[in-house]
Protein backbone atom coordinates (compact mmCIF):
# COMPACT_ATOMS: atom_id res chain seq x y z
CA MET A 1 -75.41 71.63 53.80
CA ALA A 2 -78.02 70.20 52.47
CA ASN A 3 -80.70 72.90 54.09
CA ASP A 4 -77.92 75.37 52.39
CA GLU A 5 -78.51 73.67 49.36
CA LYS A 6 -82.26 73.34 49.61
CA THR A 7 -82.61 77.09 50.56
CA THR A 8 -80.49 78.19 47.84
CA GLU A 9 -82.93 76.13 45.51
CA ILE A 10 -85.84 77.75 46.73
CA VAL A 11 -84.17 81.44 47.18
CA LEU A 12 -83.06 80.85 43.16
CA ASN A 13 -86.68 80.16 42.37
CA VAL A 14 -88.08 82.68 44.19
CA LEU A 15 -86.06 85.18 42.36
CA ALA A 16 -86.91 83.63 38.88
CA ILE A 17 -90.57 84.14 39.96
CA PHE A 18 -90.07 87.76 40.40
CA LEU A 19 -87.95 88.06 37.15
CA SER A 20 -90.99 86.53 35.61
CA ILE A 21 -93.77 89.03 36.97
CA ASN A 22 -91.14 91.89 36.48
CA ARG A 23 -91.21 92.55 40.09
CA LEU A 24 -87.26 93.97 39.69
CA ASP A 25 -87.29 96.31 42.96
CA GLU A 26 -87.85 92.66 44.76
CA ALA A 27 -85.41 91.07 42.20
CA SER A 28 -82.76 93.60 43.51
CA ASP A 29 -83.20 93.05 47.08
CA LEU A 30 -83.16 88.96 46.68
CA ILE A 31 -79.90 89.53 44.39
CA GLN A 32 -78.28 91.59 47.09
CA ARG A 33 -79.07 89.46 49.90
CA ILE A 34 -77.66 86.33 47.72
CA GLU A 35 -74.44 87.94 47.44
CA HIS A 36 -74.14 88.49 50.85
CA THR A 37 -75.20 85.06 52.67
CA PRO A 38 -72.53 82.72 52.49
CA GLY A 39 -74.62 79.80 52.61
CA THR A 40 -76.52 80.57 49.31
CA ARG A 41 -73.88 82.33 47.71
CA HIS A 42 -71.10 79.77 47.94
CA LEU A 43 -72.59 76.35 46.82
CA SER A 44 -71.11 75.97 43.38
CA ASP A 45 -73.77 73.94 42.07
CA HIS A 46 -76.19 76.51 41.62
CA THR A 47 -73.56 79.17 40.74
CA PHE A 48 -74.45 79.30 36.85
CA HIS A 49 -78.47 79.29 37.74
CA PHE A 50 -77.64 82.52 40.22
CA GLU A 51 -75.46 83.91 37.28
CA ASN A 52 -77.89 83.30 34.53
CA LEU A 53 -80.95 85.14 36.76
CA LYS A 54 -78.45 87.75 37.32
CA ALA A 55 -78.30 88.46 33.44
CA VAL A 56 -81.83 88.13 32.97
CA TYR A 57 -82.24 90.98 35.45
CA GLN A 58 -79.74 93.38 33.70
CA TYR A 59 -81.70 92.42 30.16
CA LEU A 60 -84.95 93.49 32.14
CA LEU A 61 -83.36 96.70 33.34
CA GLY A 62 -82.38 97.41 29.33
CA ASN A 63 -78.57 96.14 29.97
CA VAL A 64 -79.01 93.81 27.38
CA ASP A 65 -75.47 93.97 25.79
CA GLU A 66 -74.22 93.45 29.61
CA ALA A 67 -76.70 90.54 29.80
CA ASN A 68 -76.02 88.85 26.53
CA ASP A 69 -71.99 89.31 27.10
CA SER A 70 -72.71 87.25 31.04
CA PHE A 71 -75.18 84.73 29.22
CA ARG A 72 -72.36 83.85 26.35
CA TRP A 73 -69.54 83.67 29.48
CA ILE A 74 -72.21 81.26 31.30
CA ILE A 75 -72.93 79.03 27.72
CA ALA A 76 -69.09 79.03 27.46
CA SER A 77 -68.10 78.22 30.56
CA MET A 78 -70.35 75.26 31.01
CA GLN A 79 -69.77 73.93 27.75
CA ARG A 80 -65.93 74.10 29.04
CA LEU A 81 -67.06 71.66 31.68
CA HIS A 82 -69.33 69.75 29.75
CA LEU A 83 -72.62 70.57 31.58
CA THR A 84 -74.51 69.91 28.26
CA PRO A 85 -77.92 68.86 30.22
CA GLU A 86 -77.46 71.86 32.50
CA ILE A 87 -76.88 74.18 29.56
CA ARG A 88 -80.40 73.33 28.09
CA PHE A 89 -82.41 74.55 31.42
CA ILE A 90 -80.22 77.22 31.20
CA GLU A 91 -81.26 78.36 27.91
CA GLN A 92 -85.12 77.13 28.73
CA GLN A 93 -85.01 79.05 31.78
CA ARG A 94 -83.98 82.28 29.76
CA GLU A 95 -86.05 81.71 27.09
CA ARG A 96 -89.08 81.43 29.72
CA LEU A 97 -88.34 85.05 31.31
CA VAL A 98 -87.45 86.92 28.56
CA GLY A 99 -87.94 85.63 25.21
CA LYS A 100 -85.39 84.23 22.52
CA LEU A 101 -82.85 86.55 22.31
CA SER A 102 -80.32 86.95 19.34
CA LEU A 103 -76.61 86.55 20.14
CA SER A 104 -75.06 87.17 17.28
């Protein structure tokens, strides 16, 4: 299990790098692999991080409304779970990757 967790962290960091340099084809391939690999997809500690990166991917594709809806869902879910420090991480990551967005 520890190897799966480290692998997941590395893979999600690689996905964030692909998104940050606008390598959307590579990001798409990696998202598909993550979603179809049980060892990486089912680690709940990383679910919100992965969902956030998928929302960033949607934003970069131009699906801004869908991305913002996903982001709001992530934050609301994390708030219900009282994951305040993790929320700030997700917000900071999103800001770094796509800039500040209006969520009104």
